[in-house]
Amino acid sequence: MKIRTATILDLERILEIYAYARTFMAQTGNPTQWGDGYPKKELLTKDIEQGQLYVMEEKNEIHGVFVFIIGADPTYEVIEDGAWPDNSPYGTIHRIAGDGQVKGLLQLCVAFCKTQIKILRIDTHHDNRIMQRAIEKNGFQRCGIIYTANGSPRIAYQSNKE
């Protein structure tokens, strides 16, 4: 599996993957996290333009997508019911999704991101039990609760492992 920066030519496939992910999340008890058509095409276009949207592909077919940003994330400035282990520079994984055809996308994503920076952060919705298990399985520790820009709470995690 290869990871590369997304291009505008990938956008339709990326939208298909997010549509699949929204359906899967709704079917597995998490109907509200991305229930309103999130992420929107405009946001994804901006992510592509900023070079922070990545795709995971095998044999020229895209199976997964995620956003990776190195640097302070305003969403993570305030944390409740816990604390960050430290204030070292970190990278953040956002909006990871797959098409259901390939297992282990989060593990692949984390390994890729760790080549860029040692400390990673990620968050997920309280109802997204599947992602919570996957995050913890990939070496992240729960640190507390953060709030997205729209005020929605998320469980926040950090990984310091090499």
N, C-alpha and C. Protein backbone atom coordinates (compact mmCIF):
# COMPACT_ATOMS: atom_id res chain seq x y z
N MET A 1 0.85 -1.18 0.00
CA MET A 1 0.00 0.00 0.00
C MET A 1 0.89 1.24 0.00
N LYS A 2 0.55 2.17 -0.83
CA LYS A 2 1.33 3.41 -0.99
C LYS A 2 0.51 4.58 -0.44
N ILE A 3 1.20 5.51 0.21
CA ILE A 3 0.56 6.75 0.68
C ILE A 3 1.16 7.90 -0.11
N ARG A 4 0.28 8.77 -0.59
CA ARG A 4 0.74 9.94 -1.33
C ARG A 4 -0.20 11.11 -1.05
N THR A 5 0.27 12.30 -1.36
CA THR A 5 -0.55 13.50 -1.22
C THR A 5 -1.67 13.44 -2.26
N ALA A 6 -2.88 13.76 -1.83
CA ALA A 6 -4.03 13.75 -2.73
C ALA A 6 -3.94 14.90 -3.73
N THR A 7 -4.54 14.69 -4.88
CA THR A 7 -4.67 15.74 -5.89
C THR A 7 -6.15 15.96 -6.17
N ILE A 8 -6.45 17.04 -6.85
CA ILE A 8 -7.84 17.35 -7.18
C ILE A 8 -8.46 16.25 -8.04
N LEU A 9 -7.65 15.52 -8.78
CA LEU A 9 -8.15 14.41 -9.60
C LEU A 9 -8.66 13.25 -8.74
N ASP A 10 -8.26 13.20 -7.48
CA ASP A 10 -8.69 12.14 -6.57
C ASP A 10 -10.01 12.47 -5.88
N LEU A 11 -10.50 13.69 -6.04
CA LEU A 11 -11.60 14.19 -5.21
C LEU A 11 -12.86 13.34 -5.29
N GLU A 12 -13.28 12.91 -6.46
CA GLU A 12 -14.51 12.12 -6.56
C GLU A 12 -14.39 10.80 -5.80
N ARG A 13 -13.24 10.15 -5.92
CA ARG A 13 -13.03 8.89 -5.19
C ARG A 13 -12.99 9.15 -3.69
N ILE A 14 -12.38 10.23 -3.28
CA ILE A 14 -12.32 10.59 -1.86
C ILE A 14 -13.73 10.81 -1.32
N LEU A 15 -14.57 11.50 -2.08
CA LEU A 15 -15.96 11.72 -1.67
C LEU A 15 -16.71 10.39 -1.54
N GLU A 16 -16.45 9.45 -2.44
CA GLU A 16 -17.06 8.12 -2.35
C GLU A 16 -16.64 7.41 -1.06
N ILE A 17 -15.37 7.51 -0.71
CA ILE A 17 -14.87 6.86 0.50
C ILE A 17 -15.52 7.46 1.73
N TYR A 18 -15.63 8.78 1.79
CA TYR A 18 -16.28 9.40 2.94
C TYR A 18 -17.76 9.04 3.00
N ALA A 19 -18.43 8.91 1.86
CA ALA A 19 -19.84 8.50 1.86
C ALA A 19 -19.97 7.09 2.42
N TYR A 20 -19.08 6.20 2.00
CA TYR A 20 -19.07 4.84 2.54
C TYR A 20 -18.85 4.87 4.06
N ALA A 21 -17.89 5.66 4.50
CA ALA A 21 -17.56 5.74 5.92
C ALA A 21 -18.75 6.26 6.73
N ARG A 22 -19.46 7.26 6.22
CA ARG A 22 -20.64 7.78 6.94
C ARG A 22 -21.70 6.70 7.09
N THR A 23 -21.94 5.95 6.03
CA THR A 23 -22.92 4.86 6.08
C THR A 23 -22.48 3.80 7.08
N PHE A 24 -21.22 3.41 7.03
CA PHE A 24 -20.69 2.41 7.96
C PHE A 24 -20.81 2.89 9.40
N MET A 25 -20.45 4.13 9.65
CA MET A 25 -20.53 4.65 11.02
C MET A 25 -21.98 4.65 11.51
N ALA A 26 -22.91 5.04 10.67
CA ALA A 26 -24.32 5.04 11.06
C ALA A 26 -24.81 3.63 11.37
N GLN A 27 -24.37 2.66 10.58
CA GLN A 27 -24.79 1.27 10.77
C GLN A 27 -24.17 0.64 12.02
N THR A 28 -23.09 1.22 12.52
CA THR A 28 -22.40 0.65 13.68
C THR A 28 -22.57 1.51 14.93
N GLY A 29 -23.65 2.30 14.99
CA GLY A 29 -23.98 3.03 16.20
C GLY A 29 -23.42 4.43 16.32
N ASN A 30 -22.90 4.98 15.25
CA ASN A 30 -22.32 6.32 15.29
C ASN A 30 -22.91 7.17 14.15
N PRO A 31 -24.21 7.49 14.24
CA PRO A 31 -24.86 8.20 13.14
C PRO A 31 -24.61 9.70 13.08
N THR A 32 -24.10 10.30 14.15
CA THR A 32 -24.03 11.76 14.19
C THR A 32 -22.66 12.36 13.93
N GLN A 33 -21.59 11.59 14.07
CA GLN A 33 -20.25 12.18 13.95
C GLN A 33 -20.06 12.86 12.59
N TRP A 34 -20.39 12.19 11.52
CA TRP A 34 -20.27 12.76 10.18
C TRP A 34 -21.62 12.74 9.46
N GLY A 35 -22.70 12.68 10.21
CA GLY A 35 -24.03 12.46 9.65
C GLY A 35 -24.53 13.53 8.70
N ASP A 36 -23.99 14.71 8.74
CA ASP A 36 -24.49 15.81 7.93
C ASP A 36 -23.74 15.98 6.61
N GLY A 37 -23.15 14.92 6.11
CA GLY A 37 -22.40 15.01 4.86
C GLY A 37 -20.98 15.50 5.02
N TYR A 38 -20.49 15.46 6.23
CA TYR A 38 -19.12 15.88 6.54
C TYR A 38 -18.16 14.79 6.09
N PRO A 39 -17.01 15.13 5.62
CA PRO A 39 -16.52 16.46 5.27
C PRO A 39 -17.03 16.90 3.90
N LYS A 40 -17.29 18.17 3.78
CA LYS A 40 -17.81 18.75 2.55
C LYS A 40 -16.71 18.86 1.49
N LYS A 41 -17.14 18.89 0.25
CA LYS A 41 -16.22 18.98 -0.89
C LYS A 41 -15.30 20.20 -0.77
N GLU A 42 -15.85 21.31 -0.30
CA GLU A 42 -15.06 22.55 -0.18
C GLU A 42 -13.91 22.38 0.81
N LEU A 43 -14.18 21.72 1.92
CA LEU A 43 -13.15 21.48 2.93
C LEU A 43 -12.06 20.57 2.36
N LEU A 44 -12.47 19.53 1.67
CA LEU A 44 -11.50 18.60 1.08
C LEU A 44 -10.66 19.28 0.01
N THR A 45 -11.28 20.14 -0.77
CA THR A 45 -10.53 20.90 -1.78
C THR A 45 -9.48 21.77 -1.11
N LYS A 46 -9.86 22.42 -0.02
CA LYS A 46 -8.90 23.24 0.74
C LYS A 46 -7.76 22.38 1.28
N ASP A 47 -8.10 21.20 1.82
CA ASP A 47 -7.07 20.28 2.33
C ASP A 47 -6.10 19.88 1.22
N ILE A 48 -6.63 19.63 0.03
CA ILE A 48 -5.78 19.27 -1.11
C ILE A 48 -4.86 20.43 -1.46
N GLU A 49 -5.43 21.62 -1.54
CA GLU A 49 -4.64 22.81 -1.88
C GLU A 49 -3.53 23.06 -0.86
N GLN A 50 -3.79 22.74 0.41
CA GLN A 50 -2.79 22.95 1.46
C GLN A 50 -1.82 21.78 1.59
N GLY A 51 -2.00 20.74 0.79
CA GLY A 51 -1.09 19.61 0.80
C GLY A 51 -1.17 18.76 2.05
N GLN A 52 -2.34 18.74 2.70
CA GLN A 52 -2.45 17.99 3.95
C GLN A 52 -3.44 16.82 3.87
N LEU A 53 -3.98 16.56 2.69
CA LEU A 53 -4.86 15.42 2.49
C LEU A 53 -4.07 14.33 1.78
N TYR A 54 -4.12 13.13 2.32
CA TYR A 54 -3.35 12.00 1.80
C TYR A 54 -4.29 10.87 1.41
N VAL A 55 -3.88 10.10 0.42
CA VAL A 55 -4.63 8.91 0.04
C VAL A 55 -3.74 7.69 0.19
N MET A 56 -4.39 6.56 0.46
CA MET A 56 -3.72 5.27 0.56
C MET A 56 -4.21 4.45 -0.62
N GLU A 57 -3.27 4.03 -1.45
CA GLU A 57 -3.69 3.32 -2.66
C GLU A 57 -2.88 2.06 -2.87
N GLU A 58 -3.53 1.12 -3.55
CA GLU A 58 -2.90 -0.13 -3.92
C GLU A 58 -3.29 -0.43 -5.36
N LYS A 59 -2.32 -0.70 -6.18
CA LYS A 59 -2.56 -0.97 -7.61
C LYS A 59 -3.38 0.14 -8.24
N ASN A 60 -3.00 1.37 -7.95
CA ASN A 60 -3.64 2.57 -8.50
C ASN A 60 -5.10 2.75 -8.11
N GLU A 61 -5.56 2.04 -7.07
CA GLU A 61 -6.92 2.23 -6.56
C GLU A 61 -6.84 2.79 -5.14
N ILE A 62 -7.53 3.89 -4.92
CA ILE A 62 -7.54 4.54 -3.61
C ILE A 62 -8.50 3.80 -2.69
N HIS A 63 -7.98 3.40 -1.51
CA HIS A 63 -8.78 2.68 -0.53
C HIS A 63 -8.98 3.46 0.76
N GLY A 64 -8.16 4.48 1.00
CA GLY A 64 -8.27 5.23 2.24
C GLY A 64 -7.81 6.66 2.06
N VAL A 65 -8.18 7.48 3.04
CA VAL A 65 -7.88 8.91 3.00
C VAL A 65 -7.73 9.42 4.43
N PHE A 66 -6.88 10.42 4.61
CA PHE A 66 -6.74 11.06 5.92
C PHE A 66 -6.08 12.42 5.75
N VAL A 67 -6.26 13.24 6.77
CA VAL A 67 -5.60 14.54 6.84
C VAL A 67 -4.49 14.42 7.87
N PHE A 68 -3.32 14.97 7.56
CA PHE A 68 -2.22 14.98 8.52
C PHE A 68 -1.62 16.37 8.54
N ILE A 69 -1.58 16.94 9.74
CA ILE A 69 -1.08 18.29 9.93
C ILE A 69 -0.03 18.28 11.03
N ILE A 70 1.14 18.82 10.75
CA ILE A 70 2.17 18.97 11.77
C ILE A 70 2.08 20.39 12.31
N GLY A 71 2.02 20.50 13.63
CA GLY A 71 1.93 21.81 14.27
C GLY A 71 0.74 21.88 15.21
N ALA A 72 0.71 22.93 15.99
CA ALA A 72 -0.34 23.09 17.00
C ALA A 72 -1.72 23.13 16.35
N ASP A 73 -2.63 22.37 16.91
CA ASP A 73 -4.02 22.32 16.44
C ASP A 73 -4.87 23.10 17.44
N PRO A 74 -5.54 24.17 17.02
CA PRO A 74 -6.34 24.98 17.95
C PRO A 74 -7.39 24.16 18.71
N THR A 75 -7.89 23.11 18.08
CA THR A 75 -8.88 22.25 18.72
C THR A 75 -8.32 21.59 19.98
N TYR A 76 -7.01 21.40 20.02
CA TYR A 76 -6.38 20.67 21.12
C TYR A 76 -5.80 21.58 22.20
N GLU A 77 -6.01 22.88 22.09
CA GLU A 77 -5.46 23.80 23.09
C GLU A 77 -6.06 23.59 24.47
N VAL A 78 -7.36 23.32 24.52
CA VAL A 78 -8.05 23.10 25.79
C VAL A 78 -8.47 21.64 25.85
N ILE A 79 -8.10 20.97 26.92
CA ILE A 79 -8.48 19.57 27.12
C ILE A 79 -9.09 19.45 28.52
N GLU A 80 -10.20 18.73 28.60
CA GLU A 80 -10.90 18.53 29.87
C GLU A 80 -10.83 17.07 30.27
N ASP A 81 -11.08 16.82 31.55
CA ASP A 81 -11.10 15.45 32.08
C ASP A 81 -9.80 14.70 31.78
N GLY A 82 -8.69 15.42 31.86
CA GLY A 82 -7.39 14.82 31.61
C GLY A 82 -6.38 15.88 31.22
N ALA A 83 -5.28 15.43 30.63
CA ALA A 83 -4.22 16.36 30.23
C ALA A 83 -3.36 15.70 29.16
N TRP A 84 -2.70 16.53 28.37
CA TRP A 84 -1.72 16.01 27.43
C TRP A 84 -0.47 15.62 28.22
N PRO A 85 0.21 14.55 27.85
CA PRO A 85 1.41 14.12 28.57
C PRO A 85 2.53 15.16 28.56
N ASP A 86 2.60 15.96 27.49
CA ASP A 86 3.63 16.99 27.37
C ASP A 86 3.20 17.98 26.30
N ASN A 87 4.00 19.00 26.11
CA ASN A 87 3.70 20.03 25.12
C ASN A 87 4.69 20.01 23.95
N SER A 88 5.27 18.87 23.69
CA SER A 88 6.21 18.74 22.58
C SER A 88 5.49 18.94 21.25
N PRO A 89 6.23 19.31 20.21
CA PRO A 89 5.61 19.41 18.88
C PRO A 89 4.96 18.08 18.48
N TYR A 90 3.86 18.17 17.76
CA TYR A 90 3.12 16.97 17.40
C TYR A 90 2.47 17.12 16.03
N GLY A 91 2.04 16.00 15.51
CA GLY A 91 1.24 15.96 14.30
C GLY A 91 -0.13 15.43 14.64
N THR A 92 -1.13 15.85 13.88
CA THR A 92 -2.50 15.43 14.14
C THR A 92 -3.07 14.71 12.93
N ILE A 93 -3.70 13.58 13.20
CA ILE A 93 -4.42 12.82 12.18
C ILE A 93 -5.90 13.17 12.30
N HIS A 94 -6.49 13.58 11.20
CA HIS A 94 -7.92 13.90 11.17
C HIS A 94 -8.60 13.15 10.02
N ARG A 95 -9.87 12.89 10.19
CA ARG A 95 -10.77 12.43 9.13
C ARG A 95 -10.26 11.20 8.37
N ILE A 96 -9.72 10.23 9.09
CA ILE A 96 -9.28 9.01 8.41
C ILE A 96 -10.52 8.19 8.06
N ALA A 97 -10.52 7.66 6.84
CA ALA A 97 -11.64 6.84 6.37
C ALA A 97 -11.14 5.86 5.32
N GLY A 98 -11.84 4.74 5.23
CA GLY A 98 -11.51 3.74 4.22
C GLY A 98 -12.75 3.27 3.50
N ASP A 99 -12.53 2.51 2.44
CA ASP A 99 -13.65 2.02 1.63
C ASP A 99 -14.13 0.64 2.06
N GLY A 100 -13.57 0.10 3.14
CA GLY A 100 -13.99 -1.20 3.64
C GLY A 100 -13.34 -2.38 2.94
N GLN A 101 -12.49 -2.12 1.97
CA GLN A 101 -11.87 -3.20 1.20
C GLN A 101 -10.52 -3.65 1.75
N VAL A 102 -9.88 -2.81 2.56
CA VAL A 102 -8.54 -3.10 3.06
C VAL A 102 -8.52 -2.90 4.57
N LYS A 103 -7.95 -3.84 5.28
CA LYS A 103 -7.81 -3.75 6.74
C LYS A 103 -6.49 -3.06 7.09
N GLY A 104 -6.43 -2.49 8.30
CA GLY A 104 -5.19 -1.94 8.81
C GLY A 104 -4.81 -0.57 8.29
N LEU A 105 -5.78 0.20 7.80
CA LEU A 105 -5.46 1.53 7.27
C LEU A 105 -4.93 2.47 8.35
N LEU A 106 -5.50 2.40 9.55
CA LEU A 106 -5.01 3.28 10.62
C LEU A 106 -3.57 2.94 10.96
N GLN A 107 -3.24 1.67 11.03
CA GLN A 107 -1.87 1.26 11.32
C GLN A 107 -0.91 1.79 10.26
N LEU A 108 -1.29 1.69 9.01
CA LEU A 108 -0.47 2.20 7.91
C LEU A 108 -0.33 3.72 8.01
N CYS A 109 -1.43 4.39 8.30
CA CYS A 109 -1.42 5.85 8.45
C CYS A 109 -0.49 6.27 9.58
N VAL A 110 -0.61 5.62 10.73
CA VAL A 110 0.22 5.97 11.89
C VAL A 110 1.70 5.75 11.57
N ALA A 111 2.03 4.64 10.94
CA ALA A 111 3.43 4.37 10.58
C ALA A 111 3.97 5.46 9.66
N PHE A 112 3.17 5.87 8.69
CA PHE A 112 3.58 6.94 7.78
C PHE A 112 3.79 8.25 8.54
N CYS A 113 2.84 8.61 9.38
CA CYS A 113 2.93 9.87 10.12
C CYS A 113 4.11 9.88 11.08
N LYS A 114 4.44 8.73 11.66
CA LYS A 114 5.57 8.63 12.59
C LYS A 114 6.90 8.87 11.87
N THR A 115 6.93 8.71 10.56
CA THR A 115 8.16 9.04 9.83
C THR A 115 8.35 10.55 9.72
N GLN A 116 7.29 11.30 9.97
CA GLN A 116 7.33 12.76 9.88
C GLN A 116 7.61 13.42 11.23
N ILE A 117 7.00 12.87 12.30
CA ILE A 117 7.13 13.43 13.65
C ILE A 117 6.78 12.34 14.66
N LYS A 118 7.47 12.33 15.79
CA LYS A 118 7.33 11.24 16.76
C LYS A 118 5.99 11.26 17.49
N ILE A 119 5.55 12.42 17.91
CA ILE A 119 4.33 12.51 18.72
C ILE A 119 3.13 12.78 17.82
N LEU A 120 2.10 11.94 17.99
CA LEU A 120 0.87 12.07 17.20
C LEU A 120 -0.33 12.24 18.12
N ARG A 121 -1.31 12.99 17.63
CA ARG A 121 -2.59 13.13 18.31
C ARG A 121 -3.71 12.79 17.34
N ILE A 122 -4.81 12.32 17.90
CA ILE A 122 -5.99 11.95 17.13
C ILE A 122 -7.18 12.04 18.07
N ASP A 123 -8.36 12.22 17.51
CA ASP A 123 -9.56 12.23 18.34
C ASP A 123 -10.70 11.53 17.61
N THR A 124 -11.71 11.15 18.37
CA THR A 124 -12.89 10.53 17.78
C THR A 124 -14.11 10.77 18.65
N HIS A 125 -15.25 10.52 18.08
CA HIS A 125 -16.55 10.71 18.73
C HIS A 125 -16.79 9.62 19.77
N HIS A 126 -17.52 9.96 20.82
CA HIS A 126 -17.85 9.00 21.88
C HIS A 126 -18.55 7.76 21.34
N ASP A 127 -19.38 7.91 20.32
CA ASP A 127 -20.12 6.77 19.77
C ASP A 127 -19.31 5.93 18.79
N ASN A 128 -18.13 6.38 18.42
CA ASN A 128 -17.32 5.66 17.44
C ASN A 128 -16.44 4.63 18.15
N ARG A 129 -17.09 3.61 18.66
CA ARG A 129 -16.39 2.58 19.44
C ARG A 129 -15.35 1.82 18.60
N ILE A 130 -15.66 1.59 17.35
CA ILE A 130 -14.72 0.87 16.49
C ILE A 130 -13.43 1.66 16.36
N MET A 131 -13.53 2.96 16.13
CA MET A 131 -12.32 3.79 16.01
C MET A 131 -11.60 3.89 17.34
N GLN A 132 -12.32 3.98 18.44
CA GLN A 132 -11.67 4.03 19.75
C GLN A 132 -10.78 2.80 19.94
N ARG A 133 -11.31 1.62 19.62
CA ARG A 133 -10.51 0.39 19.77
C ARG A 133 -9.30 0.41 18.83
N ALA A 134 -9.51 0.84 17.60
CA ALA A 134 -8.40 0.88 16.64
C ALA A 134 -7.32 1.85 17.09
N ILE A 135 -7.73 3.01 17.59
CA ILE A 135 -6.76 4.00 18.06
C ILE A 135 -5.93 3.43 19.21
N GLU A 136 -6.60 2.83 20.19
CA GLU A 136 -5.89 2.27 21.34
C GLU A 136 -5.00 1.10 20.92
N LYS A 137 -5.46 0.29 19.98
CA LYS A 137 -4.67 -0.83 19.47
C LYS A 137 -3.39 -0.34 18.79
N ASN A 138 -3.41 0.88 18.27
CA ASN A 138 -2.26 1.44 17.58
C ASN A 138 -1.37 2.28 18.49
N GLY A 139 -1.46 2.06 19.80
CA GLY A 139 -0.50 2.66 20.73
C GLY A 139 -0.84 4.03 21.27
N PHE A 140 -2.06 4.49 21.06
CA PHE A 140 -2.46 5.79 21.59
C PHE A 140 -3.07 5.63 22.98
N GLN A 141 -2.82 6.64 23.82
CA GLN A 141 -3.43 6.68 25.15
C GLN A 141 -4.48 7.78 25.19
N ARG A 142 -5.60 7.45 25.81
CA ARG A 142 -6.66 8.44 25.99
C ARG A 142 -6.15 9.52 26.95
N CYS A 143 -6.32 10.79 26.55
CA CYS A 143 -5.81 11.90 27.36
C CYS A 143 -6.92 12.77 27.96
N GLY A 144 -8.10 12.79 27.36
CA GLY A 144 -9.18 13.62 27.86
C GLY A 144 -10.19 13.93 26.78
N ILE A 145 -10.92 15.02 26.98
CA ILE A 145 -11.97 15.44 26.05
C ILE A 145 -11.61 16.81 25.47
N ILE A 146 -11.71 16.91 24.15
CA ILE A 146 -11.54 18.20 23.46
C ILE A 146 -12.85 18.51 22.76
N TYR A 147 -12.96 19.73 22.26
CA TYR A 147 -14.18 20.14 21.56
C TYR A 147 -13.83 20.66 20.17
N THR A 148 -14.59 20.21 19.18
CA THR A 148 -14.38 20.67 17.81
C THR A 148 -14.87 22.11 17.69
N ALA A 149 -14.63 22.72 16.54
CA ALA A 149 -15.01 24.11 16.32
C ALA A 149 -16.50 24.34 16.52
N ASN A 150 -17.32 23.32 16.25
CA ASN A 150 -18.76 23.48 16.44
C ASN A 150 -19.23 23.11 17.85
N GLY A 151 -18.28 22.84 18.75
CA GLY A 151 -18.61 22.56 20.14
C GLY A 151 -18.86 21.10 20.47
N SER A 152 -18.72 20.23 19.50
CA SER A 152 -18.95 18.80 19.71
C SER A 152 -17.77 18.17 20.46
N PRO A 153 -18.05 17.41 21.53
CA PRO A 153 -16.95 16.79 22.29
C PRO A 153 -16.35 15.60 21.53
N ARG A 154 -15.05 15.41 21.74
CA ARG A 154 -14.32 14.28 21.15
C ARG A 154 -13.36 13.71 22.19
N ILE A 155 -13.18 12.41 22.14
CA ILE A 155 -12.17 11.75 22.97
C ILE A 155 -10.83 11.98 22.29
N ALA A 156 -9.87 12.52 23.05
CA ALA A 156 -8.57 12.87 22.49
C ALA A 156 -7.50 11.89 22.96
N TYR A 157 -6.61 11.56 22.05
CA TYR A 157 -5.55 10.58 22.29
C TYR A 157 -4.20 11.15 21.86
N GLN A 158 -3.13 10.60 22.46
CA GLN A 158 -1.78 10.93 22.04
C GLN A 158 -0.94 9.67 22.06
N SER A 159 -0.01 9.59 21.12
CA SER A 159 0.96 8.50 21.06
C SER A 159 2.36 9.10 21.04
N ASN A 160 3.20 8.62 21.94
CA ASN A 160 4.59 9.07 22.00
C ASN A 160 5.56 8.00 21.53
N LYS A 161 5.03 6.84 21.16
CA LYS A 161 5.89 5.72 20.82
C LYS A 161 6.57 5.93 19.48
N GLU A 162 7.76 5.37 19.38
CA GLU A 162 8.52 5.44 18.12
C GLU A 162 7.81 4.65 17.03
